[in-house]
Each structure stands twice: as C-alpha cells, then as structure tokens.
C-alpha cells in the first residue's frame, strides 16, 4: 500500500515539473524562428543582389536550425 501511495505522489510531482518546461520550450522555438527568419531575409537579399553562393549558404544555415 505504501508503494502505491508513494508512486501516485511521485507521479503527481513529476508531471507538474514537466509542465513548467512548456514556456521555456516555446521561447526556444521562438528564438529559432526569429533567427531563421533573419537568415532567410539575408539569403533572399543576397539572391536578389546576385550573390547566389552566399544566398545558398545563408538559407542552408537557416534550415539547419530546424534539424537540431
């Protein structure tokens, strides 16, 4: 009986600890989106300026943000 009660209490504390990480995860995603957007904009500008090598490098760097 003690093991069951301990397990229930332990599970309640663990689930509440993970619930607090949601805002941190959202901020991490927002930061990656913001950085990817800046890289995308710079890549599109480089493409428009005719620097296709730089454009490709910047756009690939933006894509890599979502693979990690």
N, C-alpha and C. Protein backbone atom coordinates (compact mmCIF):
# COMPACT_ATOMS: atom_id res chain seq x y z
N UNK A 1 0.82 -1.19 0.00
CA UNK A 1 0.00 0.00 0.00
C UNK A 1 0.86 1.26 0.00
N UNK A 2 1.96 1.22 0.78
CA UNK A 2 2.85 2.38 0.83
C UNK A 2 3.46 2.65 -0.54
N UNK A 3 3.79 1.58 -1.25
CA UNK A 3 4.40 1.74 -2.58
C UNK A 3 3.42 2.39 -3.55
N UNK A 4 2.16 2.04 -3.46
CA UNK A 4 1.15 2.61 -4.35
C UNK A 4 0.98 4.10 -4.06
N UNK A 5 0.86 4.44 -2.79
CA UNK A 5 0.70 5.85 -2.41
C UNK A 5 1.94 6.65 -2.82
N UNK A 6 3.11 6.10 -2.57
CA UNK A 6 4.35 6.78 -2.96
C UNK A 6 4.41 6.97 -4.47
N UNK A 7 4.01 5.96 -5.22
CA UNK A 7 4.02 6.05 -6.68
C UNK A 7 3.07 7.13 -7.19
N UNK A 8 1.90 7.22 -6.61
CA UNK A 8 0.92 8.23 -7.02
C UNK A 8 1.45 9.63 -6.73
N UNK A 9 1.97 9.84 -5.54
CA UNK A 9 2.51 11.15 -5.17
C UNK A 9 3.71 11.51 -6.04
N UNK A 10 4.58 10.56 -6.28
CA UNK A 10 5.75 10.77 -7.11
C UNK A 10 5.34 11.16 -8.54
N UNK A 11 4.35 10.48 -9.07
CA UNK A 11 3.87 10.77 -10.42
C UNK A 11 3.27 12.18 -10.50
N UNK A 12 2.56 12.59 -9.47
CA UNK A 12 1.98 13.94 -9.47
C UNK A 12 3.07 15.01 -9.49
N UNK A 13 4.14 14.82 -8.72
CA UNK A 13 5.21 15.80 -8.70
C UNK A 13 5.99 15.83 -10.01
N UNK A 14 6.22 14.68 -10.59
CA UNK A 14 6.97 14.61 -11.84
C UNK A 14 6.19 15.30 -12.96
N UNK A 15 4.90 15.04 -13.07
CA UNK A 15 4.12 15.64 -14.16
C UNK A 15 4.05 17.16 -14.01
N UNK A 16 3.99 17.68 -12.80
CA UNK A 16 3.95 19.13 -12.63
C UNK A 16 5.30 19.76 -12.94
N UNK A 17 6.38 19.03 -12.73
CA UNK A 17 7.71 19.55 -13.05
C UNK A 17 7.87 19.69 -14.56
N UNK A 18 7.37 18.73 -15.32
CA UNK A 18 7.46 18.81 -16.77
C UNK A 18 6.54 19.87 -17.34
N UNK A 19 5.44 20.15 -16.69
CA UNK A 19 4.50 21.16 -17.17
C UNK A 19 5.13 22.55 -17.15
N UNK A 20 6.07 22.80 -16.26
CA UNK A 20 6.73 24.09 -16.17
C UNK A 20 7.71 24.35 -17.29
N UNK A 21 8.06 23.31 -18.05
CA UNK A 21 9.05 23.49 -19.11
C UNK A 21 8.43 23.96 -20.43
N UNK A 22 7.12 23.96 -20.53
CA UNK A 22 6.46 24.37 -21.78
C UNK A 22 6.82 25.80 -22.20
N UNK A 23 6.76 26.79 -21.30
CA UNK A 23 7.12 28.15 -21.72
C UNK A 23 8.58 28.25 -22.18
N UNK A 24 9.47 27.50 -21.55
CA UNK A 24 10.88 27.53 -21.97
C UNK A 24 11.03 26.93 -23.35
N UNK A 25 10.31 25.85 -23.62
CA UNK A 25 10.36 25.24 -24.94
C UNK A 25 9.82 26.19 -26.00
N UNK A 26 8.75 26.89 -25.69
CA UNK A 26 8.15 27.84 -26.63
C UNK A 26 9.11 28.98 -26.93
N UNK A 27 9.81 29.48 -25.90
CA UNK A 27 10.79 30.56 -26.11
C UNK A 27 11.93 30.08 -26.99
N UNK A 28 12.36 28.84 -26.80
CA UNK A 28 13.44 28.27 -27.62
C UNK A 28 13.00 28.19 -29.08
N UNK A 29 11.78 27.77 -29.31
CA UNK A 29 11.25 27.70 -30.67
C UNK A 29 11.15 29.09 -31.28
N UNK A 30 10.65 30.05 -30.50
CA UNK A 30 10.53 31.42 -30.99
C UNK A 30 11.88 32.00 -31.38
N UNK A 31 12.91 31.71 -30.57
CA UNK A 31 14.25 32.20 -30.87
C UNK A 31 14.78 31.60 -32.17
N UNK A 32 14.53 30.30 -32.38
CA UNK A 32 14.98 29.66 -33.62
C UNK A 32 14.23 30.21 -34.83
N UNK A 33 12.94 30.44 -34.67
CA UNK A 33 12.15 31.00 -35.78
C UNK A 33 12.65 32.40 -36.12
N UNK A 34 12.93 33.20 -35.10
CA UNK A 34 13.41 34.57 -35.33
C UNK A 34 14.76 34.56 -36.05
N UNK A 35 15.67 33.69 -35.59
CA UNK A 35 16.99 33.61 -36.22
C UNK A 35 16.88 33.09 -37.65
N UNK A 36 16.02 32.09 -37.86
CA UNK A 36 15.82 31.55 -39.21
C UNK A 36 15.23 32.60 -40.14
N UNK A 37 14.33 33.42 -39.63
CA UNK A 37 13.73 34.47 -40.45
C UNK A 37 14.78 35.50 -40.87
N UNK A 38 15.67 35.85 -39.94
CA UNK A 38 16.75 36.80 -40.28
C UNK A 38 17.67 36.21 -41.34
N UNK A 39 18.02 34.94 -41.18
CA UNK A 39 18.88 34.28 -42.17
C UNK A 39 18.17 34.18 -43.52
N UNK A 40 16.88 33.89 -43.50
CA UNK A 40 16.11 33.81 -44.74
C UNK A 40 16.08 35.15 -45.45
N UNK A 41 15.81 36.20 -44.69
CA UNK A 41 15.76 37.54 -45.29
C UNK A 41 17.12 37.92 -45.89
N UNK A 42 18.20 37.61 -45.18
CA UNK A 42 19.54 37.90 -45.69
C UNK A 42 19.83 37.06 -46.93
N UNK A 43 19.37 35.81 -46.93
CA UNK A 43 19.57 34.94 -48.08
C UNK A 43 18.81 35.43 -49.31
N UNK A 44 17.59 35.87 -49.11
CA UNK A 44 16.80 36.40 -50.23
C UNK A 44 17.42 37.69 -50.76
N UNK A 45 17.94 38.53 -49.87
CA UNK A 45 18.60 39.76 -50.30
C UNK A 45 19.87 39.44 -51.09
N UNK A 46 20.64 38.48 -50.61
CA UNK A 46 21.85 38.08 -51.34
C UNK A 46 21.49 37.53 -52.72
N UNK A 47 20.42 36.78 -52.80
CA UNK A 47 19.97 36.24 -54.09
C UNK A 47 19.58 37.38 -55.03
N UNK A 48 18.85 38.35 -54.51
CA UNK A 48 18.42 39.48 -55.33
C UNK A 48 19.62 40.31 -55.80
N UNK A 49 20.67 40.34 -54.97
CA UNK A 49 21.89 41.09 -55.33
C UNK A 49 22.79 40.29 -56.26
N UNK A 50 22.43 39.04 -56.55
CA UNK A 50 23.21 38.22 -57.48
C UNK A 50 24.27 37.36 -56.82
N UNK A 51 24.36 37.37 -55.50
CA UNK A 51 25.36 36.55 -54.80
C UNK A 51 24.70 35.22 -54.40
N UNK A 52 24.62 34.32 -55.35
CA UNK A 52 23.89 33.07 -55.14
C UNK A 52 24.61 32.12 -54.19
N UNK A 53 25.92 32.16 -54.16
CA UNK A 53 26.67 31.32 -53.23
C UNK A 53 26.38 31.69 -51.78
N UNK A 54 26.40 33.00 -51.50
CA UNK A 54 26.10 33.48 -50.15
C UNK A 54 24.64 33.19 -49.81
N UNK A 55 23.75 33.38 -50.77
CA UNK A 55 22.34 33.11 -50.56
C UNK A 55 22.11 31.66 -50.16
N UNK A 56 22.73 30.77 -50.89
CA UNK A 56 22.57 29.34 -50.60
C UNK A 56 23.13 28.99 -49.22
N UNK A 57 24.26 29.57 -48.87
CA UNK A 57 24.87 29.30 -47.57
C UNK A 57 23.97 29.78 -46.43
N UNK A 58 23.41 30.98 -46.57
CA UNK A 58 22.54 31.53 -45.54
C UNK A 58 21.25 30.72 -45.40
N UNK A 59 20.67 30.33 -46.52
CA UNK A 59 19.43 29.57 -46.47
C UNK A 59 19.65 28.16 -45.91
N UNK A 60 20.80 27.56 -46.22
CA UNK A 60 21.12 26.26 -45.64
C UNK A 60 21.34 26.37 -44.14
N UNK A 61 21.94 27.46 -43.70
CA UNK A 61 22.15 27.67 -42.26
C UNK A 61 20.80 27.81 -41.56
N UNK A 62 19.85 28.49 -42.21
CA UNK A 62 18.50 28.63 -41.62
C UNK A 62 17.83 27.27 -41.51
N UNK A 63 17.99 26.43 -42.53
CA UNK A 63 17.40 25.10 -42.48
C UNK A 63 18.01 24.23 -41.38
N UNK A 64 19.29 24.39 -41.15
CA UNK A 64 19.98 23.61 -40.13
C UNK A 64 19.45 23.90 -38.72
N UNK A 65 18.92 25.09 -38.51
CA UNK A 65 18.36 25.42 -37.21
C UNK A 65 17.22 24.48 -36.82
N UNK A 66 16.49 24.02 -37.81
CA UNK A 66 15.34 23.17 -37.53
C UNK A 66 15.70 21.69 -37.46
N UNK A 67 16.91 21.35 -37.86
CA UNK A 67 17.35 19.96 -37.77
C UNK A 67 17.96 19.65 -36.40
N UNK A 68 18.36 20.68 -35.67
CA UNK A 68 18.99 20.43 -34.36
C UNK A 68 17.99 20.45 -33.25
